[in-house]
Amino acid sequence: MGDAMVRTHRSGDVPGGTIVVEVLGPLEAATVGALRSVVLDAVETYRPRVLTVDLRRVPFMDSIGIGTLVAVNNKAHEVGGAMEVSSPSPFVHRLLQITGLTELFGLPDMPEDAPVSGAPADLGRPQKS
């Protein structure tokens, strides 16, 4: 069972500054609790203008991870801020694109032929039987 570690960095004046949350490790059922509690606490406490979730060190994410990001995004909006995802790994970026969430999280779309390391190339395309 891989634990995700979550680190937060604060910059600028609070409220109104930026909080960067760095996730280290996969975002899945076993690990999203840490992210959820840390981030929701930080948003409640500091009411940042921008909450940046840095996913460069997240090799894998599943639907529960996606649901958590959406919940965090909603929370940031509730307190008058915005959430953005920064530097997602290719796997995570592709997953967010397939689920139609890149725009919500302030990400560009990936080129169709971008290599996706650590994931099957046909992720999200209909499987041939």
Protein backbone atom coordinates (compact mmCIF):
# COMPACT_ATOMS: atom_id res chain seq x y z
CA MET A 1 0.00 0.00 0.00
CA GLY A 2 1.70 3.19 -1.16
CA ASP A 3 1.19 6.25 0.99
CA ALA A 4 0.88 9.58 -0.71
CA MET A 5 2.70 12.32 1.08
CA VAL A 6 1.36 15.81 0.95
CA ARG A 7 3.46 18.94 1.47
CA THR A 8 2.08 22.44 1.55
CA HIS A 9 3.90 25.69 0.90
CA ARG A 10 2.37 29.08 1.49
CA SER A 11 3.29 32.30 -0.25
CA GLY A 12 1.95 35.83 -0.25
CA ASP A 13 -0.41 37.39 2.23
CA VAL A 14 -3.05 35.24 3.82
CA PRO A 15 -5.92 35.46 3.09
CA GLY A 16 -5.44 36.03 -0.59
CA GLY A 17 -2.09 34.38 -1.12
CA THR A 18 -1.18 31.18 -2.86
CA ILE A 19 -0.91 27.74 -1.34
CA VAL A 20 0.97 25.06 -3.21
CA VAL A 21 0.13 21.49 -2.29
CA GLU A 22 2.66 18.98 -3.52
CA VAL A 23 1.51 15.39 -3.73
CA LEU A 24 4.20 12.72 -3.62
CA GLY A 25 2.98 9.33 -4.70
CA PRO A 26 -0.14 7.81 -6.24
CA LEU A 27 -3.58 9.29 -5.68
CA GLU A 28 -5.92 6.39 -5.10
CA ALA A 29 -8.38 5.06 -2.54
CA ALA A 30 -5.70 4.26 0.04
CA THR A 31 -4.02 7.65 -0.17
CA VAL A 32 -6.55 10.37 -1.01
CA GLY A 33 -7.54 10.85 2.64
CA ALA A 34 -4.26 12.62 3.36
CA LEU A 35 -4.67 15.02 0.47
CA ARG A 36 -8.30 15.71 1.26
CA SER A 37 -7.76 16.48 4.94
CA VAL A 38 -4.61 18.57 4.46
CA VAL A 39 -6.07 20.60 1.63
CA LEU A 40 -9.52 21.17 3.11
CA ASP A 41 -7.88 22.32 6.35
CA ALA A 42 -5.54 24.66 4.49
CA VAL A 43 -8.37 26.14 2.43
CA GLU A 44 -10.54 26.67 5.52
CA THR A 45 -7.69 28.21 7.48
CA TYR A 46 -5.99 30.40 4.90
CA ARG A 47 -8.69 31.02 2.24
CA PRO A 48 -6.08 31.29 -0.50
CA ARG A 49 -6.78 33.13 -3.71
CA VAL A 50 -5.07 30.35 -5.61
CA LEU A 51 -4.61 26.76 -4.52
CA THR A 52 -2.07 25.01 -6.72
CA VAL A 53 -1.95 21.23 -6.60
CA ASP A 54 1.40 20.03 -7.90
CA LEU A 55 1.04 16.54 -9.38
CA ARG A 56 4.45 16.12 -11.00
CA ARG A 57 5.31 13.28 -8.59
CA VAL A 58 2.03 11.42 -8.95
CA PRO A 59 2.68 8.42 -11.21
CA PHE A 60 -0.85 7.07 -10.95
CA MET A 61 -4.32 8.32 -10.13
CA ASP A 62 -7.70 6.61 -10.22
CA SER A 63 -11.31 7.80 -10.21
CA ILE A 64 -11.19 8.37 -6.45
CA GLY A 65 -8.19 10.64 -6.94
CA ILE A 66 -10.11 12.55 -9.60
CA GLY A 67 -13.14 12.86 -7.31
CA THR A 68 -10.91 14.25 -4.59
CA LEU A 69 -9.45 16.88 -6.92
CA VAL A 70 -12.97 17.92 -7.91
CA ALA A 71 -14.01 18.15 -4.23
CA VAL A 72 -10.94 20.27 -3.46
CA ASN A 73 -11.71 22.48 -6.46
CA ASN A 74 -15.27 23.01 -5.19
CA LYS A 75 -13.95 23.88 -1.74
CA ALA A 76 -11.51 26.45 -3.13
CA HIS A 77 -14.37 28.10 -5.02
CA GLU A 78 -16.54 28.12 -1.88
CA VAL A 79 -14.04 30.35 -0.12
CA GLY A 80 -13.67 32.62 -3.13
CA GLY A 81 -10.50 31.16 -4.57
CA ALA A 82 -9.51 28.99 -7.49
CA MET A 83 -7.68 25.71 -7.79
CA GLU A 84 -5.21 24.83 -10.48
CA VAL A 85 -3.28 21.67 -11.17
CA SER A 86 0.38 22.12 -12.07
CA SER A 87 2.88 19.85 -13.80
CA PRO A 88 0.80 16.66 -13.90
CA SER A 89 2.66 13.54 -14.96
CA PRO A 90 1.75 12.42 -18.49
CA PHE A 91 -0.47 9.65 -17.11
CA VAL A 92 -2.40 12.04 -14.89
CA HIS A 93 -2.63 14.70 -17.61
CA ARG A 94 -4.06 12.19 -20.08
CA LEU A 95 -6.54 10.93 -17.48
CA LEU A 96 -7.76 14.47 -16.75
CA GLN A 97 -8.11 15.12 -20.46
CA ILE A 98 -10.12 11.93 -21.03
CA THR A 99 -12.45 12.88 -18.20
CA GLY A 100 -12.84 16.42 -19.55
CA LEU A 101 -11.30 18.12 -16.53
CA THR A 102 -8.22 19.78 -18.00
CA GLU A 103 -10.00 23.08 -18.52
CA LEU A 104 -11.53 23.06 -15.03
CA PHE A 105 -8.06 22.69 -13.53
CA GLY A 106 -6.38 25.24 -15.80
CA LEU A 107 -4.43 22.72 -17.87
CA PRO A 108 -3.78 22.75 -21.60
CA ASP A 109 -4.86 19.73 -23.62
CA MET A 110 -2.13 17.27 -24.44
CA PRO A 111 -1.21 16.66 -28.06
CA GLU A 112 -2.91 13.47 -29.24
CA ASP A 113 0.39 11.77 -29.95
CA ALA A 114 2.10 12.76 -26.70
CA PRO A 115 3.88 9.77 -25.21
CA VAL A 116 2.35 8.65 -21.95
CA SER A 117 4.91 6.95 -19.79
CA GLY A 118 3.71 4.36 -17.32
CA ALA A 119 0.34 3.91 -19.01
CA PRO A 120 -0.94 1.82 -21.88
CA ALA A 121 -0.88 3.82 -25.09
CA ASP A 122 -4.52 2.97 -25.78
CA LEU A 123 -5.81 4.31 -22.46
CA GLY A 124 -9.28 5.66 -22.99
CA ARG A 125 -9.78 4.23 -26.46
CA PRO A 126 -12.28 1.41 -26.96
CA GLN A 127 -10.62 -1.93 -26.35
CA LYS A 128 -10.41 -4.30 -29.30
CA SER A 129 -11.95 -7.59 -28.31
